[in-house]
Amino acid sequence: MRVKNLSNRTIKLICISVLGIVTPNMTGLITHRRYNVTELTLSYSFFILIFLVVWSGNIWLIRLIRKKYDSRYYHVYKVILSLFIVNIGYSGIVSFLLLLCWKLLSKETYITWGAIINTSLIVIIAATFITNIYEIIFLNKEREYNLSRVEQLNIAKAQAELEALKNQIDPHFIFNSLNALSFLITRDPAIARLYNDTLAKVYRYILGNKERDLVLLREEVEFISNYFYLLKIRFSEAINMEIEINDLAAEDFLIPPISLQALVENAIKHNDFTDNNPLTIIVSVSSNYVIIKNAIHPKNYAAPTSKIGLNNLDNRYKLITNRNIIIENNFKFFTVKLPILKF
């Protein structure tokens, strides 16, 4: 990953120029009276060239080392140690050789080895500082990039999971509806037609809200009323539903679509009921939850349950609202609490 901030030519030229002018004056490698203006300009240009070569070389070596330790085998300590060794070695050798050239070519009559060594140390320190700044910026940019990428991947994953969970609803609902319709066609064609018309309304709601994560509680209550009407056609007096939600509450809250249908369907599936012993499902609102409650009527030969429906609903809630549904079973009543969001 390229760090654009370090490619800024203006910052690079200013830093190199300042170092190239200040350093020889600090170490006494330039005696101004020995040079005319042109020679003095060339002299300072030579020191600027030293820092340019050291700076550019270190940046190139940093990128080379990072390419060697790619993300699959990335070890921070190895990279830092390698950068430290290469940085000192390269900066020291290059600066020392170029300063020897300066000693041979300049008009300076007396340049001590101490001055050359001191200048080389200044170059090494400056190069180390530059490398550390580069490393800090690089790691920050890399961290921001990785965090952004992880966040994007998590969002994409959540969206994919949510779509998969939504798509699980349709085949299940269609299968049950067609079975019921097939039964009613042979039993009572008039009721079958009414069932078909109501089914169209119910399925229109599913199609219309399939891409939405949240709907008004009022809309969901209207939908579950229509859905339960289909069940009443099939089961008659064997099932009842009491909706204890006033219009004001239904307008103030949001809920994932088709949530109530999954719970009503779950109650129908796992309980035994007859006209003489009907199943009553109560839907109410309390403390920012929609509560769906029914008395438990255990079947004599209950089939093992996979709890896919409840797990599916819980996963949808977790992805959409970052909250879980609450399931309570005291062996007399089965209660599910769905978190609702304030509109």
C-alpha atoms as a PDB file:
ATOM      1  CA  MET A   1       0.000   0.000   0.000  1.00  0.00           C
ATOM      2  CA  ARG A   2       1.388   3.365  -1.002  1.00  0.00           C
ATOM      3  CA  VAL A   3       1.491   6.175   1.512  1.00  0.00           C
ATOM      4  CA  LYS A   4       0.669   9.260  -0.489  1.00  0.00           C
ATOM      5  CA  ASN A   5       1.723  11.747   2.194  1.00  0.00           C
ATOM      6  CA  LEU A   6       5.367  10.748   1.814  1.00  0.00           C
ATOM      7  CA  SER A   7       5.290  11.380  -1.910  1.00  0.00           C
ATOM      8  CA  ASN A   8       4.619  15.044  -1.355  1.00  0.00           C
ATOM      9  CA  ARG A   9       7.450  16.718  -3.272  1.00  0.00           C
ATOM     10  CA  THR A  10       7.104  20.036  -1.507  1.00  0.00           C
ATOM     11  CA  ILE A  11       7.721  18.584   1.968  1.00  0.00           C
ATOM     12  CA  LYS A  12      10.520  16.423   0.623  1.00  0.00           C
ATOM     13  CA  LEU A  13      12.343  19.305  -1.087  1.00  0.00           C
ATOM     14  CA  ILE A  14      11.989  21.654   1.893  1.00  0.00           C
ATOM     15  CA  CYS A  15      13.355  19.109   4.379  1.00  0.00           C
ATOM     16  CA  ILE A  16      16.233  18.051   2.137  1.00  0.00           C
ATOM     17  CA  SER A  17      17.160  21.665   1.357  1.00  0.00           C
ATOM     18  CA  VAL A  18      17.138  22.714   5.028  1.00  0.00           C
ATOM     19  CA  LEU A  19      19.255  19.710   6.044  1.00  0.00           C
ATOM     20  CA  GLY A  20      21.638  20.280   3.129  1.00  0.00           C
ATOM     21  CA  ILE A  21      22.223  23.920   4.134  1.00  0.00           C
ATOM     22  CA  VAL A  22      22.259  23.631   7.943  1.00  0.00           C
ATOM     23  CA  THR A  23      24.390  20.497   8.334  1.00  0.00           C
ATOM     24  CA  PRO A  24      27.681  21.681   6.705  1.00  0.00           C
ATOM     25  CA  ASN A  25      27.488  24.924   8.682  1.00  0.00           C
ATOM     26  CA  MET A  26      27.006  23.026  11.938  1.00  0.00           C
ATOM     27  CA  THR A  27      30.000  20.739  11.286  1.00  0.00           C
ATOM     28  CA  GLY A  28      32.301  23.358   9.692  1.00  0.00           C
ATOM     29  CA  LEU A  29      32.597  21.649   6.301  1.00  0.00           C
ATOM     30  CA  ILE A  30      32.038  24.899   4.409  1.00  0.00           C
ATOM     31  CA  THR A  31      34.133  28.045   4.832  1.00  0.00           C
ATOM     32  CA  HIS A  32      32.195  30.785   3.049  1.00  0.00           C
ATOM     33  CA  ARG A  33      35.148  33.089   2.346  1.00  0.00           C
ATOM     34  CA  ARG A  34      36.848  30.477   0.162  1.00  0.00           C
ATOM     35  CA  TYR A  35      34.046  30.442  -2.451  1.00  0.00           C
ATOM     36  CA  ASN A  36      32.369  32.876  -4.767  1.00  0.00           C
ATOM     37  CA  VAL A  37      28.557  32.892  -5.094  1.00  0.00           C
ATOM     38  CA  THR A  38      28.478  30.290  -7.869  1.00  0.00           C
ATOM     39  CA  GLU A  39      30.861  27.951  -6.059  1.00  0.00           C
ATOM     40  CA  LEU A  40      28.971  28.390  -2.816  1.00  0.00           C
ATOM     41  CA  THR A  41      25.715  27.531  -4.573  1.00  0.00           C
ATOM     42  CA  LEU A  42      27.295  24.393  -6.055  1.00  0.00           C
ATOM     43  CA  SER A  43      28.738  23.470  -2.655  1.00  0.00           C
ATOM     44  CA  TYR A  44      25.386  23.636  -0.930  1.00  0.00           C
ATOM     45  CA  SER A  45      23.823  21.797  -3.861  1.00  0.00           C
ATOM     46  CA  PHE A  46      26.307  18.984  -3.258  1.00  0.00           C
ATOM     47  CA  PHE A  47      25.205  18.626   0.381  1.00  0.00           C
ATOM     48  CA  ILE A  48      21.572  18.801  -0.682  1.00  0.00           C
ATOM     49  CA  LEU A  49      22.398  15.994  -3.133  1.00  0.00           C
ATOM     50  CA  ILE A  50      23.819  13.908  -0.255  1.00  0.00           C
ATOM     51  CA  PHE A  51      20.562  14.143   1.666  1.00  0.00           C
ATOM     52  CA  LEU A  52      18.527  13.557  -1.494  1.00  0.00           C
ATOM     53  CA  VAL A  53      20.418  10.346  -2.246  1.00  0.00           C
ATOM     54  CA  VAL A  54      20.154   9.167   1.371  1.00  0.00           C
ATOM     55  CA  TRP A  55      16.448  10.072   1.649  1.00  0.00           C
ATOM     56  CA  SER A  56      15.427   8.513  -1.674  1.00  0.00           C
ATOM     57  CA  GLY A  57      17.545   5.440  -1.084  1.00  0.00           C
ATOM     58  CA  ASN A  58      16.035   4.808   2.340  1.00  0.00           C
ATOM     59  CA  ILE A  59      12.483   5.171   1.025  1.00  0.00           C
ATOM     60  CA  TRP A  60      13.297   2.703  -1.767  1.00  0.00           C
ATOM     61  CA  LEU A  61      14.819   0.257   0.731  1.00  0.00           C
ATOM     62  CA  ILE A  62      11.775   0.572   3.024  1.00  0.00           C
ATOM     63  CA  ARG A  63       9.473  -0.374   0.167  1.00  0.00           C
ATOM     64  CA  LEU A  64      11.784  -3.228  -0.826  1.00  0.00           C
ATOM     65  CA  ILE A  65      11.794  -4.635   2.721  1.00  0.00           C
ATOM     66  CA  ARG A  66       8.018  -4.344   3.012  1.00  0.00           C
ATOM     67  CA  LYS A  67       7.628  -6.147  -0.284  1.00  0.00           C
ATOM     68  CA  LYS A  68       9.774  -8.963   1.086  1.00  0.00           C
ATOM     69  CA  TYR A  69       7.701  -9.241   4.255  1.00  0.00           C
ATOM     70  CA  ASP A  70       4.296  -9.283   2.598  1.00  0.00           C
ATOM     71  CA  SER A  71       1.023  -9.434   4.533  1.00  0.00           C
ATOM     72  CA  ARG A  72       0.972 -13.230   4.673  1.00  0.00           C
ATOM     73  CA  TYR A  73       4.272 -13.398   6.550  1.00  0.00           C
ATOM     74  CA  TYR A  74       4.260  -9.974   8.146  1.00  0.00           C
ATOM     75  CA  HIS A  75       6.256  -9.691  11.386  1.00  0.00           C
ATOM     76  CA  VAL A  76       6.515  -6.212  12.875  1.00  0.00           C
ATOM     77  CA  TYR A  77       9.748  -6.813  14.779  1.00  0.00           C
ATOM     78  CA  LYS A  78      11.520  -8.290  11.764  1.00  0.00           C
ATOM     79  CA  VAL A  79      10.531  -5.322   9.649  1.00  0.00           C
ATOM     80  CA  ILE A  80      11.625  -2.781  12.272  1.00  0.00           C
ATOM     81  CA  LEU A  81      14.955  -4.563  12.854  1.00  0.00           C
ATOM     82  CA  SER A  82      15.615  -4.834   9.119  1.00  0.00           C
ATOM     83  CA  LEU A  83      14.778  -1.173   8.579  1.00  0.00           C
ATOM     84  CA  PHE A  84      17.027  -0.121  11.456  1.00  0.00           C
ATOM     85  CA  ILE A  85      20.046  -2.102  10.195  1.00  0.00           C
ATOM     86  CA  VAL A  86      19.606  -1.154   6.540  1.00  0.00           C
ATOM     87  CA  ASN A  87      18.893   2.462   7.434  1.00  0.00           C
ATOM     88  CA  ILE A  88      22.090   2.909   9.450  1.00  0.00           C
ATOM     89  CA  GLY A  89      24.244   0.899   7.064  1.00  0.00           C
ATOM     90  CA  TYR A  90      23.078   2.559   3.873  1.00  0.00           C
ATOM     91  CA  SER A  91      22.983   6.100   5.287  1.00  0.00           C
ATOM     92  CA  GLY A  92      26.411   5.767   6.917  1.00  0.00           C
ATOM     93  CA  ILE A  93      28.209   4.275   3.899  1.00  0.00           C
ATOM     94  CA  VAL A  94      26.665   6.610   1.297  1.00  0.00           C
ATOM     95  CA  SER A  95      27.156   9.779   3.351  1.00  0.00           C
ATOM     96  CA  PHE A  96      30.738   8.835   4.280  1.00  0.00           C
ATOM     97  CA  LEU A  97      31.743   8.151   0.650  1.00  0.00           C
ATOM     98  CA  LEU A  98      30.131  11.339  -0.627  1.00  0.00           C
ATOM     99  CA  LEU A  99      31.773  13.388   2.124  1.00  0.00           C
ATOM    100  CA  LEU A 100      35.168  11.926   1.132  1.00  0.00           C
ATOM    101  CA  CYS A 101      34.469  13.170  -2.375  1.00  0.00           C
ATOM    102  CA  TRP A 102      33.716  16.585  -0.899  1.00  0.00           C
ATOM    103  CA  LYS A 103      37.018  16.534   0.983  1.00  0.00           C
ATOM    104  CA  LEU A 104      38.932  15.786  -2.223  1.00  0.00           C
ATOM    105  CA  LEU A 105      37.093  18.184  -4.532  1.00  0.00           C
ATOM    106  CA  SER A 106      36.394  21.173  -2.290  1.00  0.00           C
ATOM    107  CA  LYS A 107      38.596  24.158  -1.541  1.00  0.00           C
ATOM    108  CA  GLU A 108      38.678  23.290   2.121  1.00  0.00           C
ATOM    109  CA  THR A 109      42.314  22.881   3.193  1.00  0.00           C
ATOM    110  CA  TYR A 110      41.643  21.380   6.584  1.00  0.00           C
ATOM    111  CA  ILE A 111      38.741  18.946   7.067  1.00  0.00           C
ATOM    112  CA  THR A 112      39.116  16.628  10.039  1.00  0.00           C
ATOM    113  CA  TRP A 113      37.914  13.052  10.082  1.00  0.00           C
ATOM    114  CA  GLY A 114      35.916  14.050  13.127  1.00  0.00           C
ATOM    115  CA  ALA A 115      33.956  16.570  11.054  1.00  0.00           C
ATOM    116  CA  ILE A 116      33.247  13.944   8.399  1.00  0.00           C
ATOM    117  CA  ILE A 117      32.163  11.396  11.010  1.00  0.00           C
ATOM    118  CA  ASN A 118      29.987  13.971  12.793  1.00  0.00           C
ATOM    119  CA  THR A 119      28.333  14.918   9.513  1.00  0.00           C
ATOM    120  CA  SER A 120      27.745  11.237   8.703  1.00  0.00           C
ATOM    121  CA  LEU A 121      26.130  10.788  12.125  1.00  0.00           C
ATOM    122  CA  ILE A 122      23.853  13.757  11.477  1.00  0.00           C
ATOM    123  CA  VAL A 123      22.868  12.203   8.147  1.00  0.00           C
ATOM    124  CA  ILE A 124      22.214   8.842   9.856  1.00  0.00           C
ATOM    125  CA  ILE A 125      20.119  10.467  12.597  1.00  0.00           C
ATOM    126  CA  ALA A 126      18.122  12.459  10.044  1.00  0.00           C
ATOM    127  CA  ALA A 127      17.592   9.347   7.917  1.00  0.00           C
ATOM    128  CA  THR A 128      16.505   7.342  10.979  1.00  0.00           C
ATOM    129  CA  PHE A 129      14.070  10.074  11.944  1.00  0.00           C
ATOM    130  CA  ILE A 130      12.665  10.159   8.421  1.00  0.00           C
ATOM    131  CA  THR A 131      12.340   6.371   8.392  1.00  0.00           C
ATOM    132  CA  ASN A 132      10.493   6.399  11.729  1.00  0.00           C
ATOM    133  CA  ILE A 133       8.123   9.090  10.498  1.00  0.00           C
ATOM    134  CA  TYR A 134       7.515   7.062   7.339  1.00  0.00           C
ATOM    135  CA  GLU A 135       6.916   3.916   9.394  1.00  0.00           C
ATOM    136  CA  ILE A 136       4.475   5.643  11.745  1.00  0.00           C
ATOM    137  CA  ILE A 137       2.488   7.146   8.888  1.00  0.00           C
ATOM    138  CA  PHE A 138       2.597   3.884   6.953  1.00  0.00           C
ATOM    139  CA  LEU A 139       1.350   1.839   9.910  1.00  0.00           C
ATOM    140  CA  ASN A 140      -1.433   4.350  10.610  1.00  0.00           C
ATOM    141  CA  LYS A 141      -2.520   4.302   6.982  1.00  0.00           C
ATOM    142  CA  GLU A 142      -2.277   0.529   6.911  1.00  0.00           C
ATOM    143  CA  ARG A 143      -4.341   0.283  10.102  1.00  0.00           C
ATOM    144  CA  GLU A 144      -6.989   2.654   8.718  1.00  0.00           C
ATOM    145  CA  TYR A 145      -7.087   0.691   5.483  1.00  0.00           C
ATOM    146  CA  ASN A 146      -7.412  -2.650   7.293  1.00  0.00           C
ATOM    147  CA  LEU A 147     -10.114  -1.349   9.624  1.00  0.00           C
ATOM    148  CA  SER A 148     -12.021   0.097   6.677  1.00  0.00           C
ATOM    149  CA  ARG A 149     -11.652  -3.147   4.742  1.00  0.00           C
ATOM    150  CA  VAL A 150     -12.787  -5.244   7.719  1.00  0.00           C
ATOM    151  CA  GLU A 151     -15.779  -2.964   8.218  1.00  0.00           C
ATOM    152  CA  GLN A 152     -16.708  -3.215   4.538  1.00  0.00           C
ATOM    153  CA  LEU A 153     -16.349  -7.000   4.638  1.00  0.00           C
ATOM    154  CA  ASN A 154     -18.500  -7.204   7.770  1.00  0.00           C
ATOM    155  CA  ILE A 155     -21.179  -5.039   6.179  1.00  0.00           C
ATOM    156  CA  ALA A 156     -21.111  -7.134   3.005  1.00  0.00           C
ATOM    157  CA  LYS A 157     -21.240 -10.335   5.063  1.00  0.00           C
ATOM    158  CA  ALA A 158     -24.153  -9.056   7.143  1.00  0.00           C
ATOM    159  CA  GLN A 159     -26.044  -7.995   4.031  1.00  0.00           C
ATOM    160  CA  ALA A 160     -25.439 -11.370   2.399  1.00  0.00           C
ATOM    161  CA  GLU A 161     -26.559 -13.211   5.530  1.00  0.00           C
ATOM    162  CA  LEU A 162     -29.652 -11.029   5.820  1.00  0.00           C
ATOM    163  CA  GLU A 163     -30.570 -11.658   2.191  1.00  0.00           C
ATOM    164  CA  ALA A 164     -30.114 -15.382   2.719  1.00  0.00           C
ATOM    165  CA  LEU A 165     -32.346 -15.286   5.797  1.00  0.00           C
ATOM    166  CA  LYS A 166     -35.002 -13.298   3.949  1.00  0.00           C
ATOM    167  CA  ASN A 167     -34.932 -15.776   1.083  1.00  0.00           C
ATOM    168  CA  GLN A 168     -35.570 -18.628   3.502  1.00  0.00           C
ATOM    169  CA  ILE A 169     -39.001 -17.180   4.263  1.00  0.00           C
ATOM    170  CA  ASP A 170     -40.516 -17.350   0.798  1.00  0.00           C
ATOM    171  CA  PRO A 171     -40.119 -21.081  -0.055  1.00  0.00           C
ATOM    172  CA  HIS A 172     -41.389 -22.098   3.401  1.00  0.00           C
ATOM    173  CA  PHE A 173     -44.407 -19.816   3.186  1.00  0.00           C
ATOM    174  CA  ILE A 174     -45.250 -20.834  -0.381  1.00  0.00           C
ATOM    175  CA  PHE A 175     -45.039 -24.529   0.465  1.00  0.00           C
ATOM    176  CA  ASN A 176     -47.459 -24.210   3.414  1.00  0.00           C
ATOM    177  CA  SER A 177     -49.845 -21.942   1.520  1.00  0.00           C
ATOM    178  CA  LEU A 178     -50.077 -24.190  -1.531  1.00  0.00           C
ATOM    179  CA  ASN A 179     -50.686 -27.221   0.645  1.00  0.00           C
ATOM    180  CA  ALA A 180     -53.542 -25.419   2.393  1.00  0.00           C
ATOM    181  CA  LEU A 181     -54.998 -24.169  -0.884  1.00  0.00           C
ATOM    182  CA  SER A 182     -54.843 -27.641  -2.425  1.00  0.00           C
ATOM    183  CA  PHE A 183     -56.731 -29.032   0.572  1.00  0.00           C
ATOM    184  CA  LEU A 184     -59.430 -26.336   0.404  1.00  0.00           C
ATOM    185  CA  ILE A 185     -60.001 -26.685  -3.349  1.00  0.00           C
ATOM    186  CA  THR A 186     -61.230 -30.242  -2.898  1.00  0.00           C
ATOM    187  CA  ARG A 187     -63.121 -29.451   0.305  1.00  0.00           C
ATOM    188  CA  ASP A 188     -64.854 -26.113  -0.407  1.00  0.00           C
ATOM    189  CA  PRO A 189     -64.137 -24.234  -3.678  1.00  0.00           C
ATOM    190  CA  ALA A 190     -65.823 -21.023  -2.433  1.00  0.00           C
ATOM    191  CA  ILE A 191     -63.606 -20.833   0.636  1.00  0.00           C
ATOM    192  CA  ALA A 192     -60.639 -21.782  -1.540  1.00  0.00           C
ATOM    193  CA  ARG A 193     -61.313 -18.720  -3.703  1.00  0.00           C
ATOM    194  CA  LEU A 194     -61.531 -16.472  -0.633  1.00  0.00           C
ATOM    195  CA  TYR A 195     -58.354 -18.084   0.645  1.00  0.00           C
ATOM    196  CA  ASN A 196     -56.637 -17.397  -2.689  1.00  0.00           C
ATOM    197  CA  ASP A 197     -57.669 -13.709  -2.685  1.00  0.00           C
ATOM    198  CA  THR A 198     -56.453 -13.209   0.864  1.00  0.00           C
ATOM    199  CA  LEU A 199     -53.268 -15.102   0.077  1.00  0.00           C
ATOM    200  CA  ALA A 200     -52.620 -12.616  -2.750  1.00  0.00           C
ATOM    201  CA  LYS A 201     -52.849  -9.721  -0.267  1.00  0.00           C
ATOM    202  CA  VAL A 202     -50.518 -11.458   2.155  1.00  0.00           C
ATOM    203  CA  TYR A 203     -47.974 -12.294  -0.486  1.00  0.00           C
ATOM    204  CA  ARG A 204     -48.164  -8.746  -1.884  1.00  0.00           C
ATOM    205  CA  TYR A 205     -47.023  -7.542   1.545  1.00  0.00           C
ATOM    206  CA  ILE A 206     -44.126 -10.012   1.533  1.00  0.00           C
ATOM    207  CA  LEU A 207     -42.987  -8.944  -1.934  1.00  0.00           C
ATOM    208  CA  GLY A 208     -43.421  -5.256  -1.150  1.00  0.00           C
ATOM    209  CA  ASN A 209     -41.327  -5.428   2.022  1.00  0.00           C
ATOM    210  CA  LYS A 210     -38.764  -8.041   1.095  1.00  0.00           C
ATOM    211  CA  GLU A 211     -36.053  -5.423   0.534  1.00  0.00           C
ATOM    212  CA  ARG A 212     -36.903  -3.442   3.669  1.00  0.00           C
ATOM    213  CA  ASP A 213     -35.238  -4.091   6.991  1.00  0.00           C
ATOM    214  CA  LEU A 214     -37.915  -2.403   9.087  1.00  0.00           C
ATOM    215  CA  VAL A 215     -41.622  -1.586   8.740  1.00  0.00           C
ATOM    216  CA  LEU A 216     -44.143   0.190  10.926  1.00  0.00           C
ATOM    217  CA  LEU A 217     -45.617  -2.033  13.615  1.00  0.00           C
ATOM    218  CA  ARG A 218     -49.043  -1.048  12.274  1.00  0.00           C
ATOM    219  CA  GLU A 219     -48.189  -2.530   8.878  1.00  0.00           C
ATOM    220  CA  GLU A 220     -46.962  -5.751  10.450  1.00  0.00           C
ATOM    221  CA  VAL A 221     -50.107  -6.024  12.589  1.00  0.00           C
ATOM    222  CA  GLU A 222     -52.312  -5.594   9.504  1.00  0.00           C
ATOM    223  CA  PHE A 223     -50.291  -8.240   7.727  1.00  0.00           C
ATOM    224  CA  ILE A 224     -50.513 -10.765  10.562  1.00  0.00           C
ATOM    225  CA  SER A 225     -54.280 -10.166  10.768  1.00  0.00           C
ATOM    226  CA  ASN A 226     -54.621 -11.097   7.105  1.00  0.00           C
ATOM    227  CA  TYR A 227     -52.284 -14.030   7.547  1.00  0.00           C
ATOM    228  CA  PHE A 228     -54.231 -15.307  10.547  1.00  0.00           C
ATOM    229  CA  TYR A 229     -57.444 -15.019   8.557  1.00  0.00           C
ATOM    230  CA  LEU A 230     -55.971 -17.609   6.183  1.00  0.00           C
ATOM    231  CA  LEU A 231     -55.331 -19.876   9.137  1.00  0.00           C
ATOM    232  CA  LYS A 232     -58.881 -19.357  10.419  1.00  0.00           C
ATOM    233  CA  ILE A 233     -60.259 -20.490   7.078  1.00  0.00           C
ATOM    234  CA  ARG A 234     -58.283 -23.678   7.439  1.00  0.00           C
ATOM    235  CA  PHE A 235     -58.614 -24.375  11.194  1.00  0.00           C
ATOM    236  CA  SER A 236     -61.859 -22.551  12.021  1.00  0.00           C
ATOM    237  CA  GLU A 237     -62.590 -22.365  15.769  1.00  0.00           C
ATOM    238  CA  ALA A 238     -59.522 -24.387  16.717  1.00  0.00           C
ATOM    239  CA  ILE A 239     -57.332 -21.265  16.781  1.00  0.00           C
ATOM    240  CA  ASN A 240     -57.795 -17.716  17.978  1.00  0.00           C
ATOM    241  CA  MET A 241     -55.649 -14.612  18.063  1.00  0.00           C
ATOM    242  CA  GLU A 242     -56.011 -11.608  20.346  1.00  0.00           C
ATOM    243  CA  ILE A 243     -54.174  -8.435  19.299  1.00  0.00           C
ATOM    244  CA  GLU A 244     -53.745  -6.076  22.244  1.00  0.00           C
ATOM    245  CA  ILE A 245     -51.986  -3.242  20.439  1.00  0.00           C
ATOM    246  CA  ASN A 246     -53.628   0.158  20.098  1.00  0.00           C
ATOM    247  CA  ASP A 247     -53.300   2.273  16.987  1.00  0.00           C
ATOM    248  CA  LEU A 248     -50.997   4.821  18.668  1.00  0.00           C
ATOM    249  CA  ALA A 249     -48.441   2.192  19.685  1.00  0.00           C
ATOM    250  CA  ALA A 250     -48.592   0.633  16.252  1.00  0.00           C
ATOM    251  CA  GLU A 251     -47.633   3.970  14.664  1.00  0.00           C
ATOM    252  CA  ASP A 252     -44.717   4.679  17.005  1.00  0.00           C
ATOM    253  CA  PHE A 253     -42.604   1.551  16.562  1.00  0.00           C
ATOM    254  CA  LEU A 254     -40.655  -0.269  13.864  1.00  0.00           C
ATOM    255  CA  ILE A 255     -40.179  -4.014  13.487  1.00  0.00           C
ATOM    256  CA  PRO A 256     -38.508  -6.310  10.920  1.00  0.00           C
ATOM    257  CA  PRO A 257     -41.132  -7.410   8.379  1.00  0.00           C
ATOM    258  CA  ILE A 258     -42.717 -10.882   8.581  1.00  0.00           C
ATOM    259  CA  SER A 259     -41.495 -11.344  12.153  1.00  0.00           C
ATOM    260  CA  LEU A 260     -44.925 -12.045  13.668  1.00  0.00           C
ATOM    261  CA  GLN A 261     -45.807 -14.505  10.920  1.00  0.00           C
ATOM    262  CA  ALA A 262     -42.842 -16.676  11.814  1.00  0.00           C
ATOM    263  CA  LEU A 263     -43.981 -16.889  15.458  1.00  0.00           C
ATOM    264  CA  VAL A 264     -47.630 -17.574  14.662  1.00  0.00           C
ATOM    265  CA  GLU A 265     -46.539 -20.274  12.259  1.00  0.00           C
ATOM    266  CA  ASN A 266     -44.257 -21.695  14.959  1.00  0.00           C
ATOM    267  CA  ALA A 267     -47.158 -21.848  17.454  1.00  0.00           C
ATOM    268  CA  ILE A 268     -49.385 -23.622  14.928  1.00  0.00           C
ATOM    269  CA  LYS A 269     -46.671 -26.106  14.076  1.00  0.00           C
ATOM    270  CA  HIS A 270     -45.719 -27.166  17.610  1.00  0.00           C
ATOM    271  CA  ASN A 271     -49.070 -27.286  19.410  1.00  0.00           C
ATOM    272  CA  ASP A 272     -52.073 -29.583  19.365  1.00  0.00           C
ATOM    273  CA  PHE A 273     -55.479 -27.872  19.162  1.00  0.00           C
ATOM    274  CA  THR A 274     -59.116 -28.656  18.419  1.00  0.00           C
ATOM    275  CA  ASP A 275     -62.445 -26.814  18.392  1.00  0.00           C
ATOM    276  CA  ASN A 276     -62.992 -27.948  21.979  1.00  0.00           C
ATOM    277  CA  ASN A 277     -59.450 -27.087  23.058  1.00  0.00           C
ATOM    278  CA  PRO A 278     -58.467 -24.124  20.882  1.00  0.00           C
ATOM    279  CA  LEU A 279     -55.051 -22.514  20.672  1.00  0.00           C
ATOM    280  CA  THR A 280     -55.078 -18.818  21.526  1.00  0.00           C
ATOM    281  CA  ILE A 281     -52.205 -16.575  20.466  1.00  0.00           C
ATOM    282  CA  ILE A 282     -51.925 -13.213  22.226  1.00  0.00           C
ATOM    283  CA  VAL A 283     -50.012 -10.324  20.635  1.00  0.00           C
ATOM    284  CA  SER A 284     -49.249  -7.288  22.808  1.00  0.00           C
ATOM    285  CA  VAL A 285     -46.730  -4.466  23.380  1.00  0.00           C
ATOM    286  CA  SER A 286     -44.837  -3.903  26.633  1.00  0.00           C
ATOM    287  CA  SER A 287     -41.531  -2.182  27.504  1.00  0.00           C
ATOM    288  CA  ASN A 288     -40.378  -1.751  23.909  1.00  0.00           C
ATOM    289  CA  TYR A 289     -41.126  -5.353  23.024  1.00  0.00           C
ATOM    290  CA  VAL A 290     -43.816  -7.004  20.961  1.00  0.00           C
ATOM    291  CA  ILE A 291     -44.832 -10.042  22.974  1.00  0.00           C
ATOM    292  CA  ILE A 292     -46.313 -13.147  21.358  1.00  0.00           C
ATOM    293  CA  LYS A 293     -47.643 -15.617  23.894  1.00  0.00           C
ATOM    294  CA  ASN A 294     -49.571 -18.874  23.706  1.00  0.00           C
ATOM    295  CA  ALA A 295     -50.498 -21.648  26.096  1.00  0.00           C
ATOM    296  CA  ILE A 296     -48.563 -24.828  25.439  1.00  0.00           C
ATOM    297  CA  HIS A 297     -50.696 -27.674  24.083  1.00  0.00           C
ATOM    298  CA  PRO A 298     -48.165 -30.486  23.696  1.00  0.00           C
ATOM    299  CA  LYS A 299     -48.733 -32.918  20.875  1.00  0.00           C
ATOM    300  CA  ASN A 300     -49.035 -36.602  21.731  1.00  0.00           C
ATOM    301  CA  TYR A 301     -46.483 -37.482  19.102  1.00  0.00           C
ATOM    302  CA  ALA A 302     -44.462 -34.335  18.742  1.00  0.00           C
ATOM    303  CA  ALA A 303     -41.878 -34.404  15.972  1.00  0.00           C
ATOM    304  CA  PRO A 304     -38.374 -33.279  16.912  1.00  0.00           C
ATOM    305  CA  THR A 305     -37.827 -29.594  16.262  1.00  0.00           C
ATOM    306  CA  SER A 306     -34.742 -28.036  14.654  1.00  0.00           C
ATOM    307  CA  LYS A 307     -35.698 -24.507  15.855  1.00  0.00           C
ATOM    308  CA  ILE A 308     -34.663 -23.206  12.423  1.00  0.00           C
ATOM    309  CA  GLY A 309     -37.567 -20.739  12.389  1.00  0.00           C
ATOM    310  CA  LEU A 310     -36.664 -19.142  15.722  1.00  0.00           C
ATOM    311  CA  ASN A 311     -32.942 -19.172  14.921  1.00  0.00           C
ATOM    312  CA  ASN A 312     -33.679 -17.546  11.587  1.00  0.00           C
ATOM    313  CA  LEU A 313     -35.733 -14.819  13.280  1.00  0.00           C
ATOM    314  CA  ASP A 314     -33.091 -14.285  15.961  1.00  0.00           C
ATOM    315  CA  ASN A 315     -30.367 -13.942  13.301  1.00  0.00           C
ATOM    316  CA  ARG A 316     -32.446 -11.405  11.387  1.00  0.00           C
ATOM    317  CA  TYR A 317     -32.913  -9.346  14.530  1.00  0.00           C
ATOM    318  CA  LYS A 318     -29.220  -9.526  15.354  1.00  0.00           C
ATOM    319  CA  LEU A 319     -28.247  -8.332  11.875  1.00  0.00           C
ATOM    320  CA  ILE A 320     -30.856  -5.585  11.635  1.00  0.00           C
ATOM    321  CA  THR A 321     -31.091  -4.228  15.197  1.00  0.00           C
ATOM    322  CA  ASN A 322     -28.018  -5.722  16.912  1.00  0.00           C
ATOM    323  CA  ARG A 323     -30.400  -7.153  19.514  1.00  0.00           C
ATOM    324  CA  ASN A 324     -31.633 -10.661  20.212  1.00  0.00           C
ATOM    325  CA  ILE A 325     -35.146 -11.934  20.664  1.00  0.00           C
ATOM    326  CA  ILE A 326     -36.112 -13.271  24.094  1.00  0.00           C
ATOM    327  CA  ILE A 327     -37.633 -16.759  24.378  1.00  0.00           C
ATOM    328  CA  GLU A 328     -39.364 -17.895  27.573  1.00  0.00           C
ATOM    329  CA  ASN A 329     -40.809 -21.365  28.182  1.00  0.00           C
ATOM    330  CA  ASN A 330     -42.221 -22.285  31.619  1.00  0.00           C
ATOM    331  CA  PHE A 331     -43.930 -25.413  30.208  1.00  0.00           C
ATOM    332  CA  LYS A 332     -47.319 -23.710  30.572  1.00  0.00           C
ATOM    333  CA  PHE A 333     -46.841 -20.755  28.284  1.00  0.00           C
ATOM    334  CA  PHE A 334     -44.459 -20.158  25.414  1.00  0.00           C
ATOM    335  CA  THR A 335     -43.502 -16.495  25.077  1.00  0.00           C
ATOM    336  CA  VAL A 336     -41.323 -14.690  22.566  1.00  0.00           C
ATOM    337  CA  LYS A 337     -40.379 -11.037  22.988  1.00  0.00           C
ATOM    338  CA  LEU A 338     -39.372  -9.138  19.867  1.00  0.00           C
ATOM    339  CA  PRO A 339     -37.444  -5.874  20.381  1.00  0.00           C
ATOM    340  CA  ILE A 340     -39.062  -2.941  18.606  1.00  0.00           C
ATOM    341  CA  LEU A 341     -37.428   0.336  17.649  1.00  0.00           C
ATOM    342  CA  LYS A 342     -38.859   3.762  18.377  1.00  0.00           C
ATOM    343  CA  PHE A 343     -39.887   5.492  15.144  1.00  0.00           C
END
